[in-house]
All heavy atoms as atom14 arrays in JSON, in Angstrom:
{
  "sequence": "TFSSFPILGVSLTSDTRDITHLWETARYNLKPRFLSIPGVARVDL",
  "atom14_mask": [
    [1, 1, 1, 1, 1, 1, 1, 0, 0, 0, 0, 0, 0, 0],
    [1, 1, 1, 1, 1, 1, 1, 1, 1, 1, 1, 0, 0, 0],
    [1, 1, 1, 1, 1, 1, 0, 0, 0, 0, 0, 0, 0, 0],
    [1, 1, 1, 1, 1, 1, 0, 0, 0, 0, 0, 0, 0, 0],
    [1, 1, 1, 1, 1, 1, 1, 1, 1, 1, 1, 0, 0, 0],
    [1, 1, 1, 1, 1, 1, 1, 0, 0, 0, 0, 0, 0, 0],
    [1, 1, 1, 1, 1, 1, 1, 1, 0, 0, 0, 0, 0, 0],
    [1, 1, 1, 1, 1, 1, 1, 1, 0, 0, 0, 0, 0, 0],
    [1, 1, 1, 1, 0, 0, 0, 0, 0, 0, 0, 0, 0, 0],
    [1, 1, 1, 1, 1, 1, 1, 0, 0, 0, 0, 0, 0, 0],
    [1, 1, 1, 1, 1, 1, 0, 0, 0, 0, 0, 0, 0, 0],
    [1, 1, 1, 1, 1, 1, 1, 1, 0, 0, 0, 0, 0, 0],
    [1, 1, 1, 1, 1, 1, 1, 0, 0, 0, 0, 0, 0, 0],
    [1, 1, 1, 1, 1, 1, 0, 0, 0, 0, 0, 0, 0, 0],
    [1, 1, 1, 1, 1, 1, 1, 1, 0, 0, 0, 0, 0, 0],
    [1, 1, 1, 1, 1, 1, 1, 0, 0, 0, 0, 0, 0, 0],
    [1, 1, 1, 1, 1, 1, 1, 1, 1, 1, 1, 0, 0, 0],
    [1, 1, 1, 1, 1, 1, 1, 1, 0, 0, 0, 0, 0, 0],
    [1, 1, 1, 1, 1, 1, 1, 1, 0, 0, 0, 0, 0, 0],
    [1, 1, 1, 1, 1, 1, 1, 0, 0, 0, 0, 0, 0, 0],
    [1, 1, 1, 1, 1, 1, 1, 1, 1, 1, 0, 0, 0, 0],
    [1, 1, 1, 1, 1, 1, 1, 1, 0, 0, 0, 0, 0, 0],
    [1, 1, 1, 1, 1, 1, 1, 1, 1, 1, 1, 1, 1, 1],
    [1, 1, 1, 1, 1, 1, 1, 1, 1, 0, 0, 0, 0, 0],
    [1, 1, 1, 1, 1, 1, 1, 0, 0, 0, 0, 0, 0, 0],
    [1, 1, 1, 1, 1, 0, 0, 0, 0, 0, 0, 0, 0, 0],
    [1, 1, 1, 1, 1, 1, 1, 1, 1, 1, 1, 0, 0, 0],
    [1, 1, 1, 1, 1, 1, 1, 1, 1, 1, 1, 1, 0, 0],
    [1, 1, 1, 1, 1, 1, 1, 1, 0, 0, 0, 0, 0, 0],
    [1, 1, 1, 1, 1, 1, 1, 1, 0, 0, 0, 0, 0, 0],
    [1, 1, 1, 1, 1, 1, 1, 1, 1, 0, 0, 0, 0, 0],
    [1, 1, 1, 1, 1, 1, 1, 0, 0, 0, 0, 0, 0, 0],
    [1, 1, 1, 1, 1, 1, 1, 1, 1, 1, 1, 0, 0, 0],
    [1, 1, 1, 1, 1, 1, 1, 1, 1, 1, 1, 0, 0, 0],
    [1, 1, 1, 1, 1, 1, 1, 1, 0, 0, 0, 0, 0, 0],
    [1, 1, 1, 1, 1, 1, 0, 0, 0, 0, 0, 0, 0, 0],
    [1, 1, 1, 1, 1, 1, 1, 1, 0, 0, 0, 0, 0, 0],
    [1, 1, 1, 1, 1, 1, 1, 0, 0, 0, 0, 0, 0, 0],
    [1, 1, 1, 1, 0, 0, 0, 0, 0, 0, 0, 0, 0, 0],
    [1, 1, 1, 1, 1, 1, 1, 0, 0, 0, 0, 0, 0, 0],
    [1, 1, 1, 1, 1, 0, 0, 0, 0, 0, 0, 0, 0, 0],
    [1, 1, 1, 1, 1, 1, 1, 1, 1, 1, 1, 0, 0, 0],
    [1, 1, 1, 1, 1, 1, 1, 0, 0, 0, 0, 0, 0, 0],
    [1, 1, 1, 1, 1, 1, 1, 1, 0, 0, 0, 0, 0, 0],
    [1, 1, 1, 1, 1, 1, 1, 1, 0, 0, 0, 0, 0, 0]
  ],
  "atom14_positions": [
    [[7.4, 18.22, -6.92], [8.14, 18.47, -5.69], [8.7, 17.14, -5.22], [8.41, 16.08, -5.79], [7.25, 19.09, -4.6], [6.2, 18.14, -4.29], [6.62, 20.39, -5.07], [0.0, 0.0, 0.0], [0.0, 0.0, 0.0], [0.0, 0.0, 0.0], [0.0, 0.0, 0.0], [0.0, 0.0, 0.0], [0.0, 0.0, 0.0], [0.0, 0.0, 0.0]],
    [[9.5, 17.17, -4.17], [10.03, 15.92, -3.65], [8.92, 15.02, -3.12], [9.06, 13.8, -3.12], [11.06, 16.19, -2.55], [12.42, 16.57, -3.07], [12.91, 17.85, -2.87], [13.18, 15.66, -3.76], [14.16, 18.19, -3.36], [14.44, 16.0, -4.25], [14.93, 17.28, -4.04], [0.0, 0.0, 0.0], [0.0, 0.0, 0.0], [0.0, 0.0, 0.0]],
    [[7.81, 15.61, -2.67], [6.7, 14.8, -2.17], [5.91, 14.14, -3.28], [5.01, 13.35, -3.02], [5.76, 15.68, -1.32], [5.23, 16.73, -2.1], [0.0, 0.0, 0.0], [0.0, 0.0, 0.0], [0.0, 0.0, 0.0], [0.0, 0.0, 0.0], [0.0, 0.0, 0.0], [0.0, 0.0, 0.0], [0.0, 0.0, 0.0], [0.0, 0.0, 0.0]],
    [[6.21, 14.46, -4.55], [5.51, 13.83, -5.67], [6.02, 12.42, -5.93], [5.37, 11.66, -6.65], [5.67, 14.67, -6.94], [5.14, 15.96, -6.76], [0.0, 0.0, 0.0], [0.0, 0.0, 0.0], [0.0, 0.0, 0.0], [0.0, 0.0, 0.0], [0.0, 0.0, 0.0], [0.0, 0.0, 0.0], [0.0, 0.0, 0.0], [0.0, 0.0, 0.0]],
    [[7.16, 12.08, -5.37], [7.77, 10.79, -5.65], [7.66, 9.89, -4.41], [7.74, 10.38, -3.27], [9.24, 10.97, -6.03], [9.46, 11.94, -7.15], [9.79, 13.26, -6.88], [9.29, 11.55, -8.46], [9.99, 14.17, -7.91], [9.48, 12.44, -9.5], [9.83, 13.75, -9.22], [0.0, 0.0, 0.0], [0.0, 0.0, 0.0], [0.0, 0.0, 0.0]],
    [[7.47, 8.6, -4.6], [7.35, 7.7, -3.44], [8.68, 7.59, -2.7], [9.75, 7.61, -3.3], [6.95, 6.36, -4.07], [7.42, 6.44, -5.49], [7.31, 7.89, -5.88], [0.0, 0.0, 0.0], [0.0, 0.0, 0.0], [0.0, 0.0, 0.0], [0.0, 0.0, 0.0], [0.0, 0.0, 0.0], [0.0, 0.0, 0.0], [0.0, 0.0, 0.0]],
    [[8.59, 7.48, -1.38], [9.78, 7.34, -0.56], [9.93, 5.92, -0.02], [10.97, 5.59, 0.54], [9.77, 8.33, 0.62], [8.6, 8.03, 1.56], [9.68, 9.75, 0.11], [8.66, 8.79, 2.86], [0.0, 0.0, 0.0], [0.0, 0.0, 0.0], [0.0, 0.0, 0.0], [0.0, 0.0, 0.0], [0.0, 0.0, 0.0], [0.0, 0.0, 0.0]],
    [[8.9, 5.09, -0.19], [8.95, 3.73, 0.35], [8.07, 2.83, -0.51], [6.95, 3.22, -0.88], [8.47, 3.71, 1.8], [8.42, 2.34, 2.49], [9.83, 1.78, 2.64], [7.74, 2.45, 3.85], [0.0, 0.0, 0.0], [0.0, 0.0, 0.0], [0.0, 0.0, 0.0], [0.0, 0.0, 0.0], [0.0, 0.0, 0.0], [0.0, 0.0, 0.0]],
    [[8.57, 1.67, -0.85], [7.8, 0.69, -1.59], [7.65, -0.59, -0.78], [8.6, -1.07, -0.17], [0.0, 0.0, 0.0], [0.0, 0.0, 0.0], [0.0, 0.0, 0.0], [0.0, 0.0, 0.0], [0.0, 0.0, 0.0], [0.0, 0.0, 0.0], [0.0, 0.0, 0.0], [0.0, 0.0, 0.0], [0.0, 0.0, 0.0], [0.0, 0.0, 0.0]],
    [[6.44, -1.13, -0.74], [6.14, -2.35, 0.01], [5.58, -3.37, -0.97], [4.59, -3.09, -1.66], [5.13, -2.09, 1.15], [4.82, -3.39, 1.88], [5.67, -1.05, 2.11], [0.0, 0.0, 0.0], [0.0, 0.0, 0.0], [0.0, 0.0, 0.0], [0.0, 0.0, 0.0], [0.0, 0.0, 0.0], [0.0, 0.0, 0.0], [0.0, 0.0, 0.0]],
    [[6.19, -4.53, -1.06], [5.71, -5.59, -1.95], [4.92, -6.62, -1.14], [5.31, -6.98, -0.03], [6.89, -6.29, -2.64], [7.59, -5.38, -3.46], [0.0, 0.0, 0.0], [0.0, 0.0, 0.0], [0.0, 0.0, 0.0], [0.0, 0.0, 0.0], [0.0, 0.0, 0.0], [0.0, 0.0, 0.0], [0.0, 0.0, 0.0], [0.0, 0.0, 0.0]],
    [[3.82, -7.08, -1.71], [2.95, -8.04, -1.05], [2.88, -9.29, -1.92], [2.39, -9.24, -3.05], [1.55, -7.45, -0.86], [0.6, -8.22, 0.06], [1.16, -8.27, 1.47], [-0.77, -7.56, 0.07], [0.0, 0.0, 0.0], [0.0, 0.0, 0.0], [0.0, 0.0, 0.0], [0.0, 0.0, 0.0], [0.0, 0.0, 0.0], [0.0, 0.0, 0.0]],
    [[3.41, -10.41, -1.43], [3.41, -11.67, -2.16], [2.86, -12.78, -1.28], [2.8, -12.64, -0.05], [4.82, -12.05, -2.64], [5.67, -12.22, -1.49], [5.41, -10.96, -3.53], [0.0, 0.0, 0.0], [0.0, 0.0, 0.0], [0.0, 0.0, 0.0], [0.0, 0.0, 0.0], [0.0, 0.0, 0.0], [0.0, 0.0, 0.0], [0.0, 0.0, 0.0]],
    [[2.46, -13.88, -1.9], [1.93, -15.01, -1.14], [2.06, -16.29, -1.96], [1.94, -16.27, -3.2], [0.46, -14.78, -0.79], [-0.1, -15.91, -0.14], [0.0, 0.0, 0.0], [0.0, 0.0, 0.0], [0.0, 0.0, 0.0], [0.0, 0.0, 0.0], [0.0, 0.0, 0.0], [0.0, 0.0, 0.0], [0.0, 0.0, 0.0], [0.0, 0.0, 0.0]],
    [[2.3, -17.4, -1.27], [2.35, -18.71, -1.91], [1.0, -19.4, -1.9], [0.82, -20.42, -2.59], [3.37, -19.61, -1.21], [4.8, -19.1, -1.37], [5.08, -18.51, -2.44], [5.6, -19.27, -0.44], [0.0, 0.0, 0.0], [0.0, 0.0, 0.0], [0.0, 0.0, 0.0], [0.0, 0.0, 0.0], [0.0, 0.0, 0.0], [0.0, 0.0, 0.0]],
    [[0.04, -18.88, -1.13], [-1.25, -19.55, -0.99], [-2.42, -18.73, -1.52], [-3.47, -19.29, -1.83], [-1.51, -19.88, 0.49], [-1.48, -18.67, 1.27], [-0.45, -20.83, 1.02], [0.0, 0.0, 0.0], [0.0, 0.0, 0.0], [0.0, 0.0, 0.0], [0.0, 0.0, 0.0], [0.0, 0.0, 0.0], [0.0, 0.0, 0.0], [0.0, 0.0, 0.0]],
    [[-2.28, -17.41, -1.64], [-3.38, -16.56, -2.11], [-3.07, -16.05, -3.51], [-1.91, -15.77, -3.83], [-3.6, -15.38, -1.17], [-4.05, -15.79, 0.23], [-4.14, -14.61, 1.15], [-4.57, -15.01, 2.47], [-5.74, -14.68, 3.0], [-6.58, -13.94, 2.31], [-6.06, -15.07, 4.21], [0.0, 0.0, 0.0], [0.0, 0.0, 0.0], [0.0, 0.0, 0.0]],
    [[-4.13, -15.91, -4.32], [-3.92, -15.42, -5.68], [-3.78, -13.91, -5.67], [-3.94, -13.24, -4.65], [-5.04, -15.87, -6.62], [-6.41, -15.38, -6.16], [-6.48, -14.36, -5.43], [-7.42, -16.01, -6.54], [0.0, 0.0, 0.0], [0.0, 0.0, 0.0], [0.0, 0.0, 0.0], [0.0, 0.0, 0.0], [0.0, 0.0, 0.0], [0.0, 0.0, 0.0]],
    [[-3.51, -13.34, -6.87], [-3.18, -11.92, -6.97], [-4.37, -11.04, -6.65], [-4.22, -9.91, -6.18], [-2.63, -11.62, -8.38], [-1.87, -10.29, -8.39], [-3.72, -11.65, -9.41], [-0.62, -10.27, -7.58], [0.0, 0.0, 0.0], [0.0, 0.0, 0.0], [0.0, 0.0, 0.0], [0.0, 0.0, 0.0], [0.0, 0.0, 0.0], [0.0, 0.0, 0.0]],
    [[-5.61, -11.54, -6.85], [-6.8, -10.73, -6.53], [-6.97, -10.59, -5.02], [-7.34, -9.52, -4.53], [-8.05, -11.35, -7.15], [-8.2, -12.7, -6.67], [-7.95, -11.37, -8.67], [0.0, 0.0, 0.0], [0.0, 0.0, 0.0], [0.0, 0.0, 0.0], [0.0, 0.0, 0.0], [0.0, 0.0, 0.0], [0.0, 0.0, 0.0], [0.0, 0.0, 0.0]],
    [[-6.69, -11.66, -4.26], [-6.76, -11.56, -2.8], [-5.69, -10.62, -2.27], [-5.93, -9.87, -1.3], [-6.61, -12.94, -2.17], [-7.82, -13.8, -2.28], [-8.01, -14.68, -3.32], [-8.93, -13.9, -1.5], [-9.16, -15.3, -3.17], [-9.75, -14.85, -2.08], [0.0, 0.0, 0.0], [0.0, 0.0, 0.0], [0.0, 0.0, 0.0], [0.0, 0.0, 0.0]],
    [[-4.51, -10.63, -2.88], [-3.46, -9.71, -2.45], [-3.88, -8.27, -2.71], [-3.63, -7.37, -1.89], [-2.15, -10.02, -3.18], [-1.51, -11.38, -2.88], [-0.22, -11.52, -3.68], [-1.23, -11.53, -1.39], [0.0, 0.0, 0.0], [0.0, 0.0, 0.0], [0.0, 0.0, 0.0], [0.0, 0.0, 0.0], [0.0, 0.0, 0.0], [0.0, 0.0, 0.0]],
    [[-4.51, -8.01, -3.88], [-4.96, -6.66, -4.19], [-6.02, -6.2, -3.19], [-5.99, -5.05, -2.73], [-5.53, -6.62, -5.6], [-5.94, -5.24, -6.05], [-5.16, -4.32, -6.67], [-7.22, -4.62, -5.87], [-5.86, -3.16, -6.9], [-7.14, -3.32, -6.41], [-8.42, -5.04, -5.3], [-8.21, -2.44, -6.41], [-9.49, -4.17, -5.29], [-9.39, -2.89, -5.85]],
    [[-6.96, -7.06, -2.84], [-8.0, -6.7, -1.86], [-7.39, -6.42, -0.5], [-7.81, -5.48, 0.2], [-9.04, -7.81, -1.78], [-9.89, -7.95, -3.04], [-10.82, -9.13, -2.96], [-10.62, -10.0, -2.07], [-11.76, -9.21, -3.77], [0.0, 0.0, 0.0], [0.0, 0.0, 0.0], [0.0, 0.0, 0.0], [0.0, 0.0, 0.0], [0.0, 0.0, 0.0]],
    [[-6.4, -7.2, -0.11], [-5.73, -6.96, 1.18], [-5.03, -5.61, 1.18], [-5.1, -4.85, 2.15], [-4.73, -8.09, 1.48], [-5.42, -9.34, 1.52], [-4.04, -7.85, 2.82], [0.0, 0.0, 0.0], [0.0, 0.0, 0.0], [0.0, 0.0, 0.0], [0.0, 0.0, 0.0], [0.0, 0.0, 0.0], [0.0, 0.0, 0.0], [0.0, 0.0, 0.0]],
    [[-4.32, -5.32, 0.07], [-3.61, -4.04, -0.01], [-4.58, -2.87, -0.06], [-4.35, -1.83, 0.57], [-2.7, -4.03, -1.24], [0.0, 0.0, 0.0], [0.0, 0.0, 0.0], [0.0, 0.0, 0.0], [0.0, 0.0, 0.0], [0.0, 0.0, 0.0], [0.0, 0.0, 0.0], [0.0, 0.0, 0.0], [0.0, 0.0, 0.0], [0.0, 0.0, 0.0]],
    [[-5.69, -3.01, -0.8], [-6.62, -1.9, -1.01], [-7.46, -1.61, 0.23], [-7.66, -0.45, 0.6], [-7.53, -2.21, -2.21], [-8.65, -1.19, -2.44], [-8.05, 0.16, -2.81], [-9.09, 1.12, -3.05], [-9.71, 1.84, -2.11], [-9.35, 1.66, -0.84], [-10.64, 2.71, -2.42], [0.0, 0.0, 0.0], [0.0, 0.0, 0.0], [0.0, 0.0, 0.0]],
    [[-7.96, -2.64, 0.88], [-8.94, -2.44, 1.94], [-8.37, -2.61, 3.34], [-9.05, -2.29, 4.31], [-10.12, -3.4, 1.76], [-10.83, -3.22, 0.44], [-10.76, -4.19, -0.55], [-11.55, -2.06, 0.17], [-11.4, -4.02, -1.77], [-12.19, -1.87, -1.05], [-12.1, -2.86, -2.01], [-12.73, -2.67, -3.21], [0.0, 0.0, 0.0], [0.0, 0.0, 0.0]],
    [[-7.15, -3.12, 3.46], [-6.58, -3.33, 4.78], [-5.32, -2.5, 5.0], [-5.23, -1.72, 5.95], [-6.26, -4.82, 4.98], [-5.89, -5.15, 6.42], [-5.8, -4.28, 7.26], [-5.69, -6.43, 6.69], [0.0, 0.0, 0.0], [0.0, 0.0, 0.0], [0.0, 0.0, 0.0], [0.0, 0.0, 0.0], [0.0, 0.0, 0.0], [0.0, 0.0, 0.0]],
    [[-4.34, -2.65, 4.09], [-3.06, -1.97, 4.3], [-3.12, -0.49, 3.95], [-2.58, 0.34, 4.69], [-1.97, -2.65, 3.46], [-1.68, -4.12, 3.81], [-0.58, -4.65, 2.93], [-1.3, -4.26, 5.28], [0.0, 0.0, 0.0], [0.0, 0.0, 0.0], [0.0, 0.0, 0.0], [0.0, 0.0, 0.0], [0.0, 0.0, 0.0], [0.0, 0.0, 0.0]],
    [[-3.75, -0.13, 2.84], [-3.77, 1.28, 2.42], [-4.39, 2.2, 3.46], [-3.81, 3.24, 3.79], [-4.48, 1.41, 1.08], [-4.46, 2.83, 0.53], [-5.08, 2.9, -0.86], [-5.04, 4.32, -1.41], [-5.6, 4.4, -2.78], [0.0, 0.0, 0.0], [0.0, 0.0, 0.0], [0.0, 0.0, 0.0], [0.0, 0.0, 0.0], [0.0, 0.0, 0.0]],
    [[-5.56, 1.88, 4.05], [-6.09, 2.77, 5.11], [-5.16, 2.91, 6.3], [-5.09, 3.98, 6.92], [-7.41, 2.09, 5.49], [-7.8, 1.29, 4.29], [-6.51, 0.8, 3.72], [0.0, 0.0, 0.0], [0.0, 0.0, 0.0], [0.0, 0.0, 0.0], [0.0, 0.0, 0.0], [0.0, 0.0, 0.0], [0.0, 0.0, 0.0], [0.0, 0.0, 0.0]],
    [[-4.44, 1.85, 6.64], [-3.53, 1.93, 7.78], [-2.33, 2.82, 7.47], [-1.87, 3.58, 8.32], [-3.06, 0.53, 8.18], [-4.21, -0.37, 8.64], [-3.72, -1.64, 9.27], [-4.82, -2.49, 9.7], [-4.7, -3.55, 10.47], [-3.5, -3.89, 10.91], [-5.74, -4.27, 10.81], [0.0, 0.0, 0.0], [0.0, 0.0, 0.0], [0.0, 0.0, 0.0]],
    [[-1.8, 2.72, 6.25], [-0.7, 3.6, 5.87], [-1.15, 5.06, 5.86], [-0.41, 5.95, 6.27], [-0.16, 3.21, 4.5], [0.69, 1.96, 4.52], [0.58, 1.01, 3.53], [1.62, 1.75, 5.53], [1.36, -0.13, 3.54], [2.4, 0.62, 5.56], [2.28, -0.34, 4.55], [0.0, 0.0, 0.0], [0.0, 0.0, 0.0], [0.0, 0.0, 0.0]],
    [[-2.36, 5.32, 5.36], [-2.85, 6.7, 5.3], [-3.09, 7.29, 6.69], [-3.13, 8.51, 6.83], [-4.14, 6.75, 4.49], [-3.99, 6.56, 2.97], [-5.35, 6.47, 2.3], [-3.18, 7.7, 2.36], [0.0, 0.0, 0.0], [0.0, 0.0, 0.0], [0.0, 0.0, 0.0], [0.0, 0.0, 0.0], [0.0, 0.0, 0.0], [0.0, 0.0, 0.0]],
    [[-3.28, 6.45, 7.69], [-3.49, 6.95, 9.06], [-2.19, 7.35, 9.74], [-2.23, 7.93, 10.83], [-4.21, 5.9, 9.89], [-3.4, 4.74, 10.07], [0.0, 0.0, 0.0], [0.0, 0.0, 0.0], [0.0, 0.0, 0.0], [0.0, 0.0, 0.0], [0.0, 0.0, 0.0], [0.0, 0.0, 0.0], [0.0, 0.0, 0.0], [0.0, 0.0, 0.0]],
    [[-1.04, 7.06, 9.13], [0.25, 7.43, 9.73], [0.45, 8.93, 9.56], [0.28, 9.46, 8.45], [1.39, 6.66, 9.06], [1.21, 5.16, 9.27], [2.74, 7.11, 9.62], [2.24, 4.31, 8.55], [0.0, 0.0, 0.0], [0.0, 0.0, 0.0], [0.0, 0.0, 0.0], [0.0, 0.0, 0.0], [0.0, 0.0, 0.0], [0.0, 0.0, 0.0]],
    [[0.78, 9.68, 10.61], [1.0, 11.12, 10.48], [2.09, 11.43, 9.46], [3.15, 10.82, 9.47], [1.42, 11.55, 11.9], [0.86, 10.5, 12.8], [0.9, 9.22, 12.01], [0.0, 0.0, 0.0], [0.0, 0.0, 0.0], [0.0, 0.0, 0.0], [0.0, 0.0, 0.0], [0.0, 0.0, 0.0], [0.0, 0.0, 0.0], [0.0, 0.0, 0.0]],
    [[1.79, 12.37, 8.56], [2.74, 12.79, 7.54], [2.59, 12.08, 6.21], [3.17, 12.53, 5.22], [0.0, 0.0, 0.0], [0.0, 0.0, 0.0], [0.0, 0.0, 0.0], [0.0, 0.0, 0.0], [0.0, 0.0, 0.0], [0.0, 0.0, 0.0], [0.0, 0.0, 0.0], [0.0, 0.0, 0.0], [0.0, 0.0, 0.0], [0.0, 0.0, 0.0]],
    [[1.84, 11.0, 6.15], [1.63, 10.28, 4.89], [0.5, 10.97, 4.13], [-0.62, 11.09, 4.63], [1.28, 8.8, 5.14], [0.95, 8.11, 3.81], [2.44, 8.1, 5.81], [0.0, 0.0, 0.0], [0.0, 0.0, 0.0], [0.0, 0.0, 0.0], [0.0, 0.0, 0.0], [0.0, 0.0, 0.0], [0.0, 0.0, 0.0], [0.0, 0.0, 0.0]],
    [[0.8, 11.44, 2.91], [-0.18, 12.18, 2.13], [-0.87, 11.32, 1.08], [-2.05, 11.53, 0.78], [0.49, 13.38, 1.43], [0.0, 0.0, 0.0], [0.0, 0.0, 0.0], [0.0, 0.0, 0.0], [0.0, 0.0, 0.0], [0.0, 0.0, 0.0], [0.0, 0.0, 0.0], [0.0, 0.0, 0.0], [0.0, 0.0, 0.0], [0.0, 0.0, 0.0]],
    [[-0.17, 10.36, 0.51], [-0.76, 9.57, -0.57], [-0.15, 8.18, -0.59], [1.04, 8.02, -0.36], [-0.53, 10.26, -1.92], [-1.32, 9.66, -3.08], [-1.12, 10.42, -4.37], [0.16, 10.13, -5.0], [1.16, 11.0, -5.1], [1.03, 12.21, -4.6], [2.29, 10.67, -5.69], [0.0, 0.0, 0.0], [0.0, 0.0, 0.0], [0.0, 0.0, 0.0]],
    [[-1.0, 7.19, -0.85], [-0.56, 5.81, -1.0], [-1.12, 5.3, -2.32], [-2.33, 5.33, -2.54], [-1.06, 4.93, 0.17], [-0.64, 3.48, -0.06], [-0.51, 5.43, 1.49], [0.0, 0.0, 0.0], [0.0, 0.0, 0.0], [0.0, 0.0, 0.0], [0.0, 0.0, 0.0], [0.0, 0.0, 0.0], [0.0, 0.0, 0.0], [0.0, 0.0, 0.0]],
    [[-0.24, 4.86, -3.22], [-0.66, 4.37, -4.53], [-0.46, 2.87, -4.61], [0.52, 2.33, -4.08], [0.15, 5.05, -5.64], [-0.08, 6.55, -5.69], [-1.21, 6.98, -5.39], [0.87, 7.29, -5.99], [0.0, 0.0, 0.0], [0.0, 0.0, 0.0], [0.0, 0.0, 0.0], [0.0, 0.0, 0.0], [0.0, 0.0, 0.0], [0.0, 0.0, 0.0]],
    [[-1.4, 2.21, -5.28], [-1.3, 0.77, -5.52], [-0.8, 0.55, -6.95], [-1.35, 1.12, -7.9], [-2.66, 0.1, -5.34], [-3.24, 0.08, -3.93], [-4.55, -0.68, -3.92], [-2.28, -0.54, -2.94], [0.0, 0.0, 0.0], [0.0, 0.0, 0.0], [0.0, 0.0, 0.0], [0.0, 0.0, 0.0], [0.0, 0.0, 0.0], [0.0, 0.0, 0.0]]
  ]
}
């Protein structure tokens, strides 16, 4: 269905943190906040 495809992509980059810290920030901080938005069904990393 149309809801099977992502409608928005967010890139997370940093000059001071390595890629593992960025993954932890996206997984444990940003993803729960995106899922709390009304109408958001799935957030993939």
